[in-house]
Amino acid sequence: MGWLKVMQQREPFSRGERLGDLWAEARRRWPGATPFELAVFAARAVPLPGLAFAMGYQAALRVLWPSAPAGLGAICVTENRSIRPADLATRVSGTRLFGRKDFVTAGDQAEWLMVAARCETEGLQPRLSMTVVYPGEPGVRLEALPPAPIMPETGHARAWFENALCALLPGDGWNDYVKPFRSVEDLYILAALVAWLLGIAIEDSWPQSVQLRLLAVLGGCAEAARQPPLAPATHLLLAGLFAQFDALAPEVEHAFDVSHRALGPVWRRDRALFDLARGAREKRLARALGMLE
């Protein structure tokens, strides 16, 4: 199919639909698309950056779990603002899950949840398994959180698991899921938001230099998506893409200021999302540079 087809995407999704409906429409329109293609095609078709973020997030989950169910999903890791295995209290025993997750992106609408849970024998080093549960099943309870100040279109929830029946995904919960997802999520959300901006730029005839630079960042994202997410070279490439994107900020904001669309304030509000994970990206970059010395 090829991600460059994003340049020809013209038909927007309907406004006002729920995230699950938008994701279902994306899968219907592009049934053979890769996760990266789905991220950028769906992001261009939605009206707001918060919805583009949600499309990138859903696509990123399919990188972790290629056979994930078709519906809206979420990954549940954070407890008390930490994702470190030693700080987590949620546990899995056999096929039963016990614990709580504090901040689940799209959790208020998710049809399935990937839940990181401690699984080591008492006294051993913390170890994680990745489990899967389904909202509505016995022992799984969700509480929708108030809309966030950034990208409020993407809901969040707290989740409780009380002797909930779960399935175990293969591999190590930390090394195969939680750790790589931090990079995959950054990459796919960057790609989705750049695709969304590129769509606006094409339709509103932004300066060609801005369009081409957005396209170059998107092409770099496509290359990064083909690389192992934990490789030092991938982190270097991702850092370079964010640097290119940051350098575009003044021109993008000026283009919104002179546009007939009232999206400038929304974009300024929502692009602050990238600042939230900046510290983690800088640490990954420093480690990657250290490994290349």
C-alpha atoms as a PDB file:
ATOM      1  CA  MET A   1       0.000   0.000   0.000  1.00  0.00           C
ATOM      2  CA  GLY A   2       2.693   2.525   1.021  1.00  0.00           C
ATOM      3  CA  TRP A   3       2.471   5.337   3.562  1.00  0.00           C
ATOM      4  CA  LEU A   4       2.976   7.991   0.846  1.00  0.00           C
ATOM      5  CA  LYS A   5      -0.649   7.461  -0.133  1.00  0.00           C
ATOM      6  CA  VAL A   6      -1.349   9.776   2.781  1.00  0.00           C
ATOM      7  CA  MET A   7      -0.713  12.558   0.255  1.00  0.00           C
ATOM      8  CA  GLN A   8      -3.835  11.552  -1.685  1.00  0.00           C
ATOM      9  CA  GLN A   9      -6.118  10.984   1.315  1.00  0.00           C
ATOM     10  CA  ARG A  10      -9.119  13.264   0.889  1.00  0.00           C
ATOM     11  CA  GLU A  11     -12.150  11.754   2.624  1.00  0.00           C
ATOM     12  CA  PRO A  12     -12.342  12.844   6.295  1.00  0.00           C
ATOM     13  CA  PHE A  13     -13.973  10.808   9.014  1.00  0.00           C
ATOM     14  CA  SER A  14     -17.302  11.968  10.393  1.00  0.00           C
ATOM     15  CA  ARG A  15     -17.044  14.539  13.175  1.00  0.00           C
ATOM     16  CA  GLY A  16     -18.250  13.688  16.655  1.00  0.00           C
ATOM     17  CA  GLU A  17     -17.711   9.931  16.497  1.00  0.00           C
ATOM     18  CA  ARG A  18     -16.303   8.005  19.445  1.00  0.00           C
ATOM     19  CA  LEU A  19     -12.697   6.799  19.332  1.00  0.00           C
ATOM     20  CA  GLY A  20     -13.815   3.214  18.858  1.00  0.00           C
ATOM     21  CA  ASP A  21     -15.912   4.177  15.854  1.00  0.00           C
ATOM     22  CA  LEU A  22     -13.054   6.135  14.295  1.00  0.00           C
ATOM     23  CA  TRP A  23     -10.635   3.241  14.751  1.00  0.00           C
ATOM     24  CA  ALA A  24     -13.157   0.787  13.321  1.00  0.00           C
ATOM     25  CA  GLU A  25     -13.605   3.050  10.300  1.00  0.00           C
ATOM     26  CA  ALA A  26      -9.831   3.191   9.796  1.00  0.00           C
ATOM     27  CA  ARG A  27      -9.572  -0.589   9.793  1.00  0.00           C
ATOM     28  CA  ARG A  28     -12.518  -0.827   7.390  1.00  0.00           C
ATOM     29  CA  ARG A  29     -11.044   1.657   4.932  1.00  0.00           C
ATOM     30  CA  TRP A  30      -7.518   0.239   4.922  1.00  0.00           C
ATOM     31  CA  PRO A  31      -7.820  -3.495   5.697  1.00  0.00           C
ATOM     32  CA  GLY A  32      -4.348  -4.418   4.437  1.00  0.00           C
ATOM     33  CA  ALA A  33      -2.474  -1.515   6.004  1.00  0.00           C
ATOM     34  CA  THR A  34       0.505  -1.931   8.312  1.00  0.00           C
ATOM     35  CA  PRO A  35       0.272  -0.343  11.767  1.00  0.00           C
ATOM     36  CA  PHE A  36       2.364   2.592  10.542  1.00  0.00           C
ATOM     37  CA  GLU A  37       0.116   3.125   7.528  1.00  0.00           C
ATOM     38  CA  LEU A  38      -2.970   2.939   9.721  1.00  0.00           C
ATOM     39  CA  ALA A  39      -1.486   5.545  12.057  1.00  0.00           C
ATOM     40  CA  VAL A  40      -0.837   8.101   9.329  1.00  0.00           C
ATOM     41  CA  PHE A  41      -3.917   7.422   7.167  1.00  0.00           C
ATOM     42  CA  ALA A  42      -6.289   7.597  10.135  1.00  0.00           C
ATOM     43  CA  ALA A  43      -4.544  10.643  11.607  1.00  0.00           C
ATOM     44  CA  ARG A  44      -4.977  12.609   8.415  1.00  0.00           C
ATOM     45  CA  ALA A  45      -8.694  11.750   8.310  1.00  0.00           C
ATOM     46  CA  VAL A  46      -9.576  13.066  11.791  1.00  0.00           C
ATOM     47  CA  PRO A  47     -10.360  16.738  12.553  1.00  0.00           C
ATOM     48  CA  LEU A  48      -8.340  17.299  15.734  1.00  0.00           C
ATOM     49  CA  PRO A  49      -4.785  16.583  16.921  1.00  0.00           C
ATOM     50  CA  GLY A  50      -6.095  14.763  19.998  1.00  0.00           C
ATOM     51  CA  LEU A  51      -7.865  12.277  17.744  1.00  0.00           C
ATOM     52  CA  ALA A  52      -4.719  11.924  15.608  1.00  0.00           C
ATOM     53  CA  PHE A  53      -2.836  11.072  18.802  1.00  0.00           C
ATOM     54  CA  ALA A  54      -5.405   8.379  19.576  1.00  0.00           C
ATOM     55  CA  MET A  55      -5.007   6.820  16.122  1.00  0.00           C
ATOM     56  CA  GLY A  56      -1.219   6.719  16.523  1.00  0.00           C
ATOM     57  CA  TYR A  57      -1.571   5.179  19.975  1.00  0.00           C
ATOM     58  CA  GLN A  58      -3.855   2.420  18.698  1.00  0.00           C
ATOM     59  CA  ALA A  59      -1.471   1.626  15.859  1.00  0.00           C
ATOM     60  CA  ALA A  60       1.463   1.489  18.292  1.00  0.00           C
ATOM     61  CA  LEU A  61      -0.343  -1.134  20.370  1.00  0.00           C
ATOM     62  CA  ARG A  62      -0.489  -3.368  17.265  1.00  0.00           C
ATOM     63  CA  VAL A  63       3.301  -3.202  16.998  1.00  0.00           C
ATOM     64  CA  LEU A  64       3.510  -4.735  20.479  1.00  0.00           C
ATOM     65  CA  TRP A  65       0.730  -7.244  19.865  1.00  0.00           C
ATOM     66  CA  PRO A  66       0.168  -7.836  16.138  1.00  0.00           C
ATOM     67  CA  SER A  67      -2.753 -10.210  16.768  1.00  0.00           C
ATOM     68  CA  ALA A  68      -4.571  -7.794  19.099  1.00  0.00           C
ATOM     69  CA  PRO A  69      -8.377  -7.716  18.851  1.00  0.00           C
ATOM     70  CA  ALA A  70      -9.837  -5.347  16.271  1.00  0.00           C
ATOM     71  CA  GLY A  71     -11.458  -2.977  18.764  1.00  0.00           C
ATOM     72  CA  LEU A  72     -10.042  -0.107  20.795  1.00  0.00           C
ATOM     73  CA  GLY A  73      -7.333  -1.161  23.247  1.00  0.00           C
ATOM     74  CA  ALA A  74      -5.108   0.254  25.971  1.00  0.00           C
ATOM     75  CA  ILE A  75      -1.914  -0.649  27.790  1.00  0.00           C
ATOM     76  CA  CYS A  76      -1.969  -0.398  31.590  1.00  0.00           C
ATOM     77  CA  VAL A  77       1.366   0.070  33.338  1.00  0.00           C
ATOM     78  CA  THR A  78       1.502   3.228  35.472  1.00  0.00           C
ATOM     79  CA  GLU A  79       1.026   3.043  39.238  1.00  0.00           C
ATOM     80  CA  ASN A  80       1.668   6.108  41.419  1.00  0.00           C
ATOM     81  CA  ARG A  81       3.273   7.841  38.407  1.00  0.00           C
ATOM     82  CA  SER A  82       5.858   5.092  37.957  1.00  0.00           C
ATOM     83  CA  ILE A  83       6.359   2.274  35.474  1.00  0.00           C
ATOM     84  CA  ARG A  84       9.398   0.724  37.188  1.00  0.00           C
ATOM     85  CA  PRO A  85       8.765  -2.961  37.910  1.00  0.00           C
ATOM     86  CA  ALA A  86       9.896  -2.560  41.535  1.00  0.00           C
ATOM     87  CA  ASP A  87       7.285   0.187  42.047  1.00  0.00           C
ATOM     88  CA  LEU A  88       4.352  -1.824  40.719  1.00  0.00           C
ATOM     89  CA  ALA A  89       1.969  -3.669  43.023  1.00  0.00           C
ATOM     90  CA  THR A  90      -0.360  -5.275  40.469  1.00  0.00           C
ATOM     91  CA  ARG A  91       0.233  -9.028  40.422  1.00  0.00           C
ATOM     92  CA  VAL A  92      -0.721 -12.036  38.357  1.00  0.00           C
ATOM     93  CA  SER A  93      -1.072 -15.459  39.939  1.00  0.00           C
ATOM     94  CA  GLY A  94      -1.726 -18.193  37.419  1.00  0.00           C
ATOM     95  CA  THR A  95      -4.501 -16.687  35.330  1.00  0.00           C
ATOM     96  CA  ARG A  96      -5.821 -14.301  37.978  1.00  0.00           C
ATOM     97  CA  LEU A  97      -4.998 -10.608  38.139  1.00  0.00           C
ATOM     98  CA  PHE A  98      -5.022  -8.392  41.236  1.00  0.00           C
ATOM     99  CA  GLY A  99      -4.225  -4.679  41.533  1.00  0.00           C
ATOM    100  CA  ARG A 100      -4.842  -1.181  40.217  1.00  0.00           C
ATOM    101  CA  LYS A 101      -3.576   1.048  37.422  1.00  0.00           C
ATOM    102  CA  ASP A 102      -3.826   4.798  37.878  1.00  0.00           C
ATOM    103  CA  PHE A 103      -3.715   6.278  34.382  1.00  0.00           C
ATOM    104  CA  VAL A 104      -4.876   4.314  31.357  1.00  0.00           C
ATOM    105  CA  THR A 105      -4.930   6.143  28.028  1.00  0.00           C
ATOM    106  CA  ALA A 106      -8.226   5.487  26.207  1.00  0.00           C
ATOM    107  CA  GLY A 107      -9.153   3.228  29.113  1.00  0.00           C
ATOM    108  CA  ASP A 108     -12.626   4.723  29.423  1.00  0.00           C
ATOM    109  CA  GLN A 109     -13.543   3.343  25.978  1.00  0.00           C
ATOM    110  CA  ALA A 110     -11.207   0.365  25.611  1.00  0.00           C
ATOM    111  CA  GLU A 111     -12.566  -3.046  24.660  1.00  0.00           C
ATOM    112  CA  TRP A 112      -9.420  -4.849  25.829  1.00  0.00           C
ATOM    113  CA  LEU A 113      -6.549  -4.047  28.169  1.00  0.00           C
ATOM    114  CA  MET A 114      -2.921  -5.126  28.203  1.00  0.00           C
ATOM    115  CA  VAL A 115      -1.924  -5.068  31.866  1.00  0.00           C
ATOM    116  CA  ALA A 116       1.660  -5.272  33.159  1.00  0.00           C
ATOM    117  CA  ALA A 117       1.772  -7.307  36.364  1.00  0.00           C
ATOM    118  CA  ARG A 118       4.443  -8.613  38.727  1.00  0.00           C
ATOM    119  CA  CYS A 119       4.938 -12.359  38.477  1.00  0.00           C
ATOM    120  CA  GLU A 120       8.165 -13.206  40.312  1.00  0.00           C
ATOM    121  CA  THR A 121       8.330 -15.596  43.244  1.00  0.00           C
ATOM    122  CA  GLU A 122       8.514 -13.809  46.587  1.00  0.00           C
ATOM    123  CA  GLY A 123      12.047 -12.712  47.397  1.00  0.00           C
ATOM    124  CA  LEU A 124      13.304 -12.645  43.805  1.00  0.00           C
ATOM    125  CA  GLN A 125      14.016  -9.635  41.583  1.00  0.00           C
ATOM    126  CA  PRO A 126      10.874  -7.923  40.248  1.00  0.00           C
ATOM    127  CA  ARG A 127       9.688  -9.434  36.982  1.00  0.00           C
ATOM    128  CA  LEU A 128       6.718  -8.559  34.801  1.00  0.00           C
ATOM    129  CA  SER A 129       4.284 -10.503  32.691  1.00  0.00           C
ATOM    130  CA  MET A 130       1.961  -8.880  30.191  1.00  0.00           C
ATOM    131  CA  THR A 131      -1.628  -9.966  30.692  1.00  0.00           C
ATOM    132  CA  VAL A 132      -4.840  -9.293  28.788  1.00  0.00           C
ATOM    133  CA  VAL A 133      -8.264  -8.652  30.316  1.00  0.00           C
ATOM    134  CA  TYR A 134     -11.573  -7.394  28.969  1.00  0.00           C
ATOM    135  CA  PRO A 135     -13.665  -4.604  30.533  1.00  0.00           C
ATOM    136  CA  GLY A 136     -17.077  -5.878  31.553  1.00  0.00           C
ATOM    137  CA  GLU A 137     -15.722  -9.232  32.670  1.00  0.00           C
ATOM    138  CA  PRO A 138     -15.976 -10.115  36.391  1.00  0.00           C
ATOM    139  CA  GLY A 139     -13.279  -8.459  38.474  1.00  0.00           C
ATOM    140  CA  VAL A 140     -12.426  -5.720  35.933  1.00  0.00           C
ATOM    141  CA  ARG A 141     -13.587  -2.228  36.896  1.00  0.00           C
ATOM    142  CA  LEU A 142     -12.897   1.090  35.158  1.00  0.00           C
ATOM    143  CA  GLU A 143     -13.409   4.633  36.399  1.00  0.00           C
ATOM    144  CA  ALA A 144     -13.324   7.397  33.778  1.00  0.00           C
ATOM    145  CA  LEU A 145     -11.084  10.324  34.743  1.00  0.00           C
ATOM    146  CA  PRO A 146     -11.894  14.003  34.072  1.00  0.00           C
ATOM    147  CA  PRO A 147     -10.753  15.245  30.634  1.00  0.00           C
ATOM    148  CA  ALA A 148      -7.049  16.031  30.567  1.00  0.00           C
ATOM    149  CA  PRO A 149      -5.911  19.610  29.811  1.00  0.00           C
ATOM    150  CA  ILE A 150      -3.986  18.293  26.783  1.00  0.00           C
ATOM    151  CA  MET A 151      -5.802  16.360  24.043  1.00  0.00           C
ATOM    152  CA  PRO A 152      -9.047  15.980  26.008  1.00  0.00           C
ATOM    153  CA  GLU A 153     -10.602  13.996  23.127  1.00  0.00           C
ATOM    154  CA  THR A 154      -8.566  10.990  24.250  1.00  0.00           C
ATOM    155  CA  GLY A 155     -10.130   9.788  27.483  1.00  0.00           C
ATOM    156  CA  HIS A 156      -8.337   8.222  30.435  1.00  0.00           C
ATOM    157  CA  ALA A 157      -9.347   5.920  33.249  1.00  0.00           C
ATOM    158  CA  ARG A 158      -8.281   4.173  36.417  1.00  0.00           C
ATOM    159  CA  ALA A 159      -8.541   0.406  36.396  1.00  0.00           C
ATOM    160  CA  TRP A 160      -9.053  -2.134  39.187  1.00  0.00           C
ATOM    161  CA  PHE A 161      -8.507  -5.870  38.908  1.00  0.00           C
ATOM    162  CA  GLU A 162     -10.000  -8.055  41.626  1.00  0.00           C
ATOM    163  CA  ASN A 163      -9.300 -11.737  40.969  1.00  0.00           C
ATOM    164  CA  ALA A 164      -9.903 -10.995  37.272  1.00  0.00           C
ATOM    165  CA  LEU A 165      -9.451 -13.828  34.797  1.00  0.00           C
ATOM    166  CA  CYS A 166      -6.632 -12.962  32.385  1.00  0.00           C
ATOM    167  CA  ALA A 167      -4.615 -14.371  29.512  1.00  0.00           C
ATOM    168  CA  LEU A 168      -0.810 -14.221  29.434  1.00  0.00           C
ATOM    169  CA  LEU A 169       1.029 -12.896  26.394  1.00  0.00           C
ATOM    170  CA  PRO A 170       4.304 -14.625  25.476  1.00  0.00           C
ATOM    171  CA  GLY A 171       7.645 -13.157  26.472  1.00  0.00           C
ATOM    172  CA  ASP A 172       8.863 -10.875  29.232  1.00  0.00           C
ATOM    173  CA  GLY A 173       6.505  -8.091  30.265  1.00  0.00           C
ATOM    174  CA  TRP A 174       9.225  -5.477  30.645  1.00  0.00           C
ATOM    175  CA  ASN A 175      11.680  -6.261  27.839  1.00  0.00           C
ATOM    176  CA  ASP A 176       9.139  -7.300  25.212  1.00  0.00           C
ATOM    177  CA  TYR A 177       6.302  -4.888  25.958  1.00  0.00           C
ATOM    178  CA  VAL A 178       6.704  -2.021  28.433  1.00  0.00           C
ATOM    179  CA  LYS A 179      10.240  -0.961  27.545  1.00  0.00           C
ATOM    180  CA  PRO A 180       9.878  -0.996  23.738  1.00  0.00           C
ATOM    181  CA  PHE A 181       6.452   0.626  23.894  1.00  0.00           C
ATOM    182  CA  ARG A 182       7.959   3.829  25.252  1.00  0.00           C
ATOM    183  CA  SER A 183       9.866   4.287  21.981  1.00  0.00           C
ATOM    184  CA  VAL A 184       7.161   2.875  19.711  1.00  0.00           C
ATOM    185  CA  GLU A 185       4.534   5.164  21.241  1.00  0.00           C
ATOM    186  CA  ASP A 186       6.738   8.251  20.791  1.00  0.00           C
ATOM    187  CA  LEU A 187       7.396   7.329  17.161  1.00  0.00           C
ATOM    188  CA  TYR A 188       3.838   6.502  16.179  1.00  0.00           C
ATOM    189  CA  ILE A 189       2.338   9.535  17.878  1.00  0.00           C
ATOM    190  CA  LEU A 190       4.912  11.786  16.199  1.00  0.00           C
ATOM    191  CA  ALA A 191       4.076  10.193  12.843  1.00  0.00           C
ATOM    192  CA  ALA A 192       0.342  10.576  13.415  1.00  0.00           C
ATOM    193  CA  LEU A 193       0.539  14.237  14.381  1.00  0.00           C
ATOM    194  CA  VAL A 194       2.884  15.060  11.501  1.00  0.00           C
ATOM    195  CA  ALA A 195       0.470  13.302   9.112  1.00  0.00           C
ATOM    196  CA  TRP A 196      -2.379  15.359  10.580  1.00  0.00           C
ATOM    197  CA  LEU A 197      -0.384  18.569  10.092  1.00  0.00           C
ATOM    198  CA  LEU A 198       0.576  17.543   6.568  1.00  0.00           C
ATOM    199  CA  GLY A 199      -3.089  17.094   5.700  1.00  0.00           C
ATOM    200  CA  ILE A 200      -3.878  20.601   6.954  1.00  0.00           C
ATOM    201  CA  ALA A 201      -0.834  21.979   5.119  1.00  0.00           C
ATOM    202  CA  ILE A 202      -1.900  20.449   1.799  1.00  0.00           C
ATOM    203  CA  GLU A 203      -5.548  21.462   2.055  1.00  0.00           C
ATOM    204  CA  ASP A 204      -4.768  25.032   3.192  1.00  0.00           C
ATOM    205  CA  SER A 205      -1.824  25.553   0.801  1.00  0.00           C
ATOM    206  CA  TRP A 206       0.809  26.196   3.434  1.00  0.00           C
ATOM    207  CA  PRO A 207       4.234  27.185   2.027  1.00  0.00           C
ATOM    208  CA  GLN A 208       5.733  24.364   0.011  1.00  0.00           C
ATOM    209  CA  SER A 209       8.891  24.419   2.144  1.00  0.00           C
ATOM    210  CA  VAL A 210       6.803  23.588   5.237  1.00  0.00           C
ATOM    211  CA  GLN A 211       4.937  20.813   3.437  1.00  0.00           C
ATOM    212  CA  LEU A 212       8.188  19.258   2.229  1.00  0.00           C
ATOM    213  CA  ARG A 213       9.801  19.401   5.657  1.00  0.00           C
ATOM    214  CA  LEU A 214       6.761  17.777   7.243  1.00  0.00           C
ATOM    215  CA  LEU A 215       6.943  15.101   4.567  1.00  0.00           C
ATOM    216  CA  ALA A 216      10.637  14.561   5.324  1.00  0.00           C
ATOM    217  CA  VAL A 217       9.902  14.035   9.022  1.00  0.00           C
ATOM    218  CA  LEU A 218       7.146  11.590   8.122  1.00  0.00           C
ATOM    219  CA  GLY A 219       9.514   9.705   5.815  1.00  0.00           C
ATOM    220  CA  GLY A 220      12.042   9.475   8.645  1.00  0.00           C
ATOM    221  CA  CYS A 221       9.324   8.105  10.900  1.00  0.00           C
ATOM    222  CA  ALA A 222       8.555   5.433   8.288  1.00  0.00           C
ATOM    223  CA  GLU A 223      12.212   4.395   8.282  1.00  0.00           C
ATOM    224  CA  ALA A 224      12.380   4.366  12.097  1.00  0.00           C
ATOM    225  CA  ALA A 225       9.269   2.159  12.195  1.00  0.00           C
ATOM    226  CA  ARG A 226      11.226  -0.514  10.305  1.00  0.00           C
ATOM    227  CA  GLN A 227      13.991  -0.603  12.923  1.00  0.00           C
ATOM    228  CA  PRO A 228      14.144  -2.538  16.215  1.00  0.00           C
ATOM    229  CA  PRO A 229      12.594  -0.213  18.807  1.00  0.00           C
ATOM    230  CA  LEU A 230      15.305  -0.796  21.415  1.00  0.00           C
ATOM    231  CA  ALA A 231      18.302  -0.384  19.084  1.00  0.00           C
ATOM    232  CA  PRO A 232      20.574   2.617  19.875  1.00  0.00           C
ATOM    233  CA  ALA A 233      20.452   3.683  16.218  1.00  0.00           C
ATOM    234  CA  THR A 234      16.649   3.842  16.422  1.00  0.00           C
ATOM    235  CA  HIS A 235      16.838   6.183  19.396  1.00  0.00           C
ATOM    236  CA  LEU A 236      19.333   8.379  17.544  1.00  0.00           C
ATOM    237  CA  LEU A 237      17.057   8.546  14.510  1.00  0.00           C
ATOM    238  CA  LEU A 238      14.019   9.287  16.671  1.00  0.00           C
ATOM    239  CA  ALA A 239      15.883  12.082  18.450  1.00  0.00           C
ATOM    240  CA  GLY A 240      16.804  13.568  15.084  1.00  0.00           C
ATOM    241  CA  LEU A 241      13.187  13.453  13.933  1.00  0.00           C
ATOM    242  CA  PHE A 242      12.001  15.251  17.052  1.00  0.00           C
ATOM    243  CA  ALA A 243      14.712  17.879  16.528  1.00  0.00           C
ATOM    244  CA  GLN A 244      13.498  18.439  12.963  1.00  0.00           C
ATOM    245  CA  PHE A 245       9.913  18.636  14.164  1.00  0.00           C
ATOM    246  CA  ASP A 246      10.787  21.119  16.918  1.00  0.00           C
ATOM    247  CA  ALA A 247      12.579  23.316  14.373  1.00  0.00           C
ATOM    248  CA  LEU A 248       9.349  23.521  12.367  1.00  0.00           C
ATOM    249  CA  ALA A 249       7.317  24.867  15.282  1.00  0.00           C
ATOM    250  CA  PRO A 250       7.512  28.621  14.469  1.00  0.00           C
ATOM    251  CA  GLU A 251       6.464  28.111  10.833  1.00  0.00           C
ATOM    252  CA  VAL A 252       3.643  25.747  11.778  1.00  0.00           C
ATOM    253  CA  GLU A 253       2.289  28.186  14.348  1.00  0.00           C
ATOM    254  CA  HIS A 254       2.499  31.085  11.886  1.00  0.00           C
ATOM    255  CA  ALA A 255       0.621  29.021   9.286  1.00  0.00           C
ATOM    256  CA  PHE A 256      -2.147  28.373  11.806  1.00  0.00           C
ATOM    257  CA  ASP A 257      -2.251  32.073  12.730  1.00  0.00           C
ATOM    258  CA  VAL A 258      -3.004  33.115   9.144  1.00  0.00           C
ATOM    259  CA  SER A 259      -5.321  30.178   8.444  1.00  0.00           C
ATOM    260  CA  HIS A 260      -9.101  30.433   8.218  1.00  0.00           C
ATOM    261  CA  ARG A 261      -9.335  27.459  10.602  1.00  0.00           C
ATOM    262  CA  ALA A 262      -9.574  28.088  14.335  1.00  0.00           C
ATOM    263  CA  LEU A 263      -7.021  25.389  15.110  1.00  0.00           C
ATOM    264  CA  GLY A 264      -4.062  27.465  16.265  1.00  0.00           C
ATOM    265  CA  PRO A 265      -5.006  27.494  19.979  1.00  0.00           C
ATOM    266  CA  VAL A 266      -5.859  23.784  19.858  1.00  0.00           C
ATOM    267  CA  TRP A 267      -2.494  22.961  18.295  1.00  0.00           C
ATOM    268  CA  ARG A 268      -0.553  25.097  20.793  1.00  0.00           C
ATOM    269  CA  ARG A 269      -2.379  23.388  23.654  1.00  0.00           C
ATOM    270  CA  ASP A 270      -1.906  19.856  22.399  1.00  0.00           C
ATOM    271  CA  ARG A 271       1.670  19.990  21.123  1.00  0.00           C
ATOM    272  CA  ALA A 272       2.690  20.333  24.787  1.00  0.00           C
ATOM    273  CA  LEU A 273       2.180  16.554  24.903  1.00  0.00           C
ATOM    274  CA  PHE A 274       5.667  16.129  23.468  1.00  0.00           C
ATOM    275  CA  ASP A 275       7.174  17.980  26.410  1.00  0.00           C
ATOM    276  CA  LEU A 276       5.775  15.435  28.871  1.00  0.00           C
ATOM    277  CA  ALA A 277       8.021  12.640  27.544  1.00  0.00           C
ATOM    278  CA  ARG A 278      10.994  14.830  26.658  1.00  0.00           C
ATOM    279  CA  GLY A 279      12.997  13.803  29.719  1.00  0.00           C
ATOM    280  CA  ALA A 280      12.609  10.092  28.992  1.00  0.00           C
ATOM    281  CA  ARG A 281      13.615  10.624  25.348  1.00  0.00           C
ATOM    282  CA  GLU A 282      16.711  12.547  26.414  1.00  0.00           C
ATOM    283  CA  LYS A 283      17.759   9.717  28.726  1.00  0.00           C
ATOM    284  CA  ARG A 284      17.320   7.156  25.936  1.00  0.00           C
ATOM    285  CA  LEU A 285      19.365   9.356  23.609  1.00  0.00           C
ATOM    286  CA  ALA A 286      22.157   9.711  26.170  1.00  0.00           C
ATOM    287  CA  ARG A 287      22.290   5.921  26.611  1.00  0.00           C
ATOM    288  CA  ALA A 288      22.310   5.408  22.836  1.00  0.00           C
ATOM    289  CA  LEU A 289      25.163   7.869  22.392  1.00  0.00           C
ATOM    290  CA  GLY A 290      27.087   6.176  25.206  1.00  0.00           C
ATOM    291  CA  MET A 291      26.758   2.776  23.543  1.00  0.00           C
ATOM    292  CA  LEU A 292      28.221   4.167  20.314  1.00  0.00           C
ATOM    293  CA  GLU A 293      31.336   5.642  21.951  1.00  0.00           C
END
